[in-house]
Each structure stands twice: as C-alpha cells, then as structure tokens.
Amino acid sequence: MVVRRRARALLLPLGLYAASILAVGYFLREAESGSRGLQAKRALKIQAYNLQQELDAAKADRAEWERRVALLRSDQIDRDLLEERARIVLGRVHPNDVVIINP
C-alpha cells in the first residue's frame, strides 16, 4: 500500500510534466514550421517583396508610356517621337539610317 502511494505520488507528477513538455514541444514546432508559423511568414515576406518590386517596375513602365503618349497628344507634338512612330508604322527608314535585320 505504501509502495503504491509513493509510486503514485512520484509517477503522477512525472506523467503530468511529460505530458506538458510534449504539448509545449508540439506547439513550439507548429509555431516554427506550421502553415501559419515563422517559416510561412518569412516566405510570405519574400513573396510580398518580389511582388512589390514587380509593381514598382510596372508603375515605372506605365509612367514612361504615359509620358510618351502625352508627347503625342499635346498641342506641340514631339517631332522625334512622331518620326519614330511613323517609321515603325509605315515600315520606312531614313536614307542615312543603318538597318540591322535579325534572321
């Protein structure tokens, strides 16, 4: 009887400690590598950074095109830009131009 009480008094706290250590270990592992853990957060930050870079490049490209369109639409048309567009559309070249044809 006394041995059982001592064993129970010793094993019950050890079992509870072991169960709590296992539970804490499980939650720590999930916090690090789970679907919403720290590794997933790092991956999302990298993806957000890449998308931000792509957005900045698209905004710069759009600003450049808006500037070029504004030059064509204004009262004073930029002669160089008009000549460039006319050559592209008509397929003509200036006699002094060097033409390189890619096969």
Protein backbone atom coordinates (compact mmCIF):
# COMPACT_ATOMS: atom_id res chain seq x y z
CA MET A 1 0.00 0.00 0.00
CA VAL A 2 2.74 2.43 0.93
CA VAL A 3 4.72 1.49 -2.16
CA ARG A 4 1.74 2.23 -4.39
CA ARG A 5 1.19 5.61 -2.76
CA ARG A 6 4.86 6.52 -3.22
CA ALA A 7 4.85 5.28 -6.80
CA ARG A 8 1.63 7.17 -7.48
CA ALA A 9 2.99 10.28 -5.77
CA LEU A 10 6.13 10.06 -7.91
CA LEU A 11 4.69 8.90 -11.26
CA LEU A 12 1.68 11.20 -11.38
CA PRO A 13 3.72 14.45 -11.36
CA LEU A 14 6.27 12.95 -13.76
CA GLY A 15 3.47 11.96 -16.14
CA LEU A 16 1.94 15.42 -15.96
CA TYR A 17 5.34 17.06 -16.56
CA ALA A 18 5.97 14.74 -19.52
CA ALA A 19 2.54 15.49 -20.99
CA SER A 20 3.01 19.23 -20.57
CA ILE A 21 6.52 19.09 -22.10
CA LEU A 22 5.13 17.17 -25.08
CA ALA A 23 2.30 19.70 -25.50
CA VAL A 24 4.69 22.66 -25.33
CA GLY A 25 7.05 20.92 -27.78
CA TYR A 26 4.20 20.33 -30.20
CA PHE A 27 3.10 23.98 -30.10
CA LEU A 28 6.67 25.23 -30.49
CA ARG A 29 7.19 23.03 -33.54
CA GLU A 30 3.92 24.23 -35.07
CA ALA A 31 4.85 27.86 -34.32
CA GLU A 32 8.11 27.41 -36.23
CA SER A 33 7.15 25.25 -39.20
CA GLY A 34 3.36 25.10 -39.29
CA SER A 35 1.17 26.51 -42.04
CA ARG A 36 0.98 29.80 -40.13
CA GLY A 37 4.38 29.60 -38.49
CA LEU A 38 7.55 31.62 -38.75
CA GLN A 39 8.78 29.89 -41.90
CA ALA A 40 5.48 30.63 -43.65
CA LYS A 41 5.75 34.25 -42.52
CA ARG A 42 9.26 34.50 -44.00
CA ALA A 43 8.05 33.01 -47.28
CA LEU A 44 5.15 35.48 -47.42
CA LYS A 45 7.51 38.41 -46.75
CA ILE A 46 9.77 37.29 -49.60
CA GLN A 47 6.77 36.92 -51.90
CA ALA A 48 5.47 40.37 -50.89
CA TYR A 49 8.90 41.90 -51.56
CA ASN A 50 9.06 40.31 -55.02
CA LEU A 51 5.53 41.47 -55.85
CA GLN A 52 6.39 45.00 -54.66
CA GLN A 53 9.43 45.04 -56.96
CA GLU A 54 7.24 43.89 -59.85
CA LEU A 55 4.66 46.57 -59.02
CA ASP A 56 7.34 49.28 -58.93
CA ALA A 57 8.66 48.16 -62.32
CA ALA A 58 5.13 48.18 -63.77
CA LYS A 59 4.50 51.67 -62.37
CA ALA A 60 7.73 52.97 -63.89
CA ASP A 61 6.85 51.39 -67.23
CA ARG A 62 3.38 52.91 -67.11
CA ALA A 63 4.77 56.34 -66.25
CA GLU A 64 7.14 56.13 -69.22
CA TRP A 65 4.29 55.17 -71.57
CA GLU A 66 2.05 57.92 -70.19
CA ARG A 67 4.84 60.43 -70.80
CA ARG A 68 5.26 59.22 -74.38
CA VAL A 69 1.50 59.31 -75.03
CA ALA A 70 1.32 62.80 -73.58
CA LEU A 71 4.00 63.89 -76.04
CA LEU A 72 1.87 62.58 -78.91
CA ARG A 73 -1.37 64.13 -77.65
CA SER A 74 -0.19 67.61 -76.75
CA ASP A 75 -0.58 70.69 -78.91
CA GLN A 76 3.15 70.68 -79.61
CA ILE A 77 3.92 67.19 -80.92
CA ASP A 78 7.45 65.97 -80.32
CA ARG A 79 8.88 65.64 -83.82
CA ASP A 80 11.37 62.89 -82.98
CA LEU A 81 8.71 60.71 -81.40
CA LEU A 82 6.32 61.33 -84.28
CA GLU A 83 9.00 60.44 -86.80
CA GLU A 84 9.88 57.27 -84.89
CA ARG A 85 6.25 56.13 -84.78
CA ALA A 86 5.72 56.96 -88.45
CA ARG A 87 8.76 54.90 -89.44
CA ILE A 88 7.58 51.94 -87.37
CA VAL A 89 4.01 52.06 -88.67
CA LEU A 90 4.91 52.66 -92.30
CA GLY A 91 7.94 50.40 -92.31
CA ARG A 92 10.17 53.08 -93.83
CA VAL A 93 13.70 54.14 -92.95
CA HIS A 94 15.73 57.29 -93.45
CA PRO A 95 18.39 57.05 -96.18
CA ASN A 96 21.15 57.68 -93.60
CA ASP A 97 19.94 55.02 -91.16
CA VAL A 98 21.79 51.78 -90.63
CA VAL A 99 19.37 48.87 -90.67
CA ILE A 100 20.21 45.59 -88.95
CA ILE A 101 17.91 42.73 -89.87
CA ASN A 102 17.67 39.80 -87.48
CA PRO A 103 17.17 36.49 -89.30
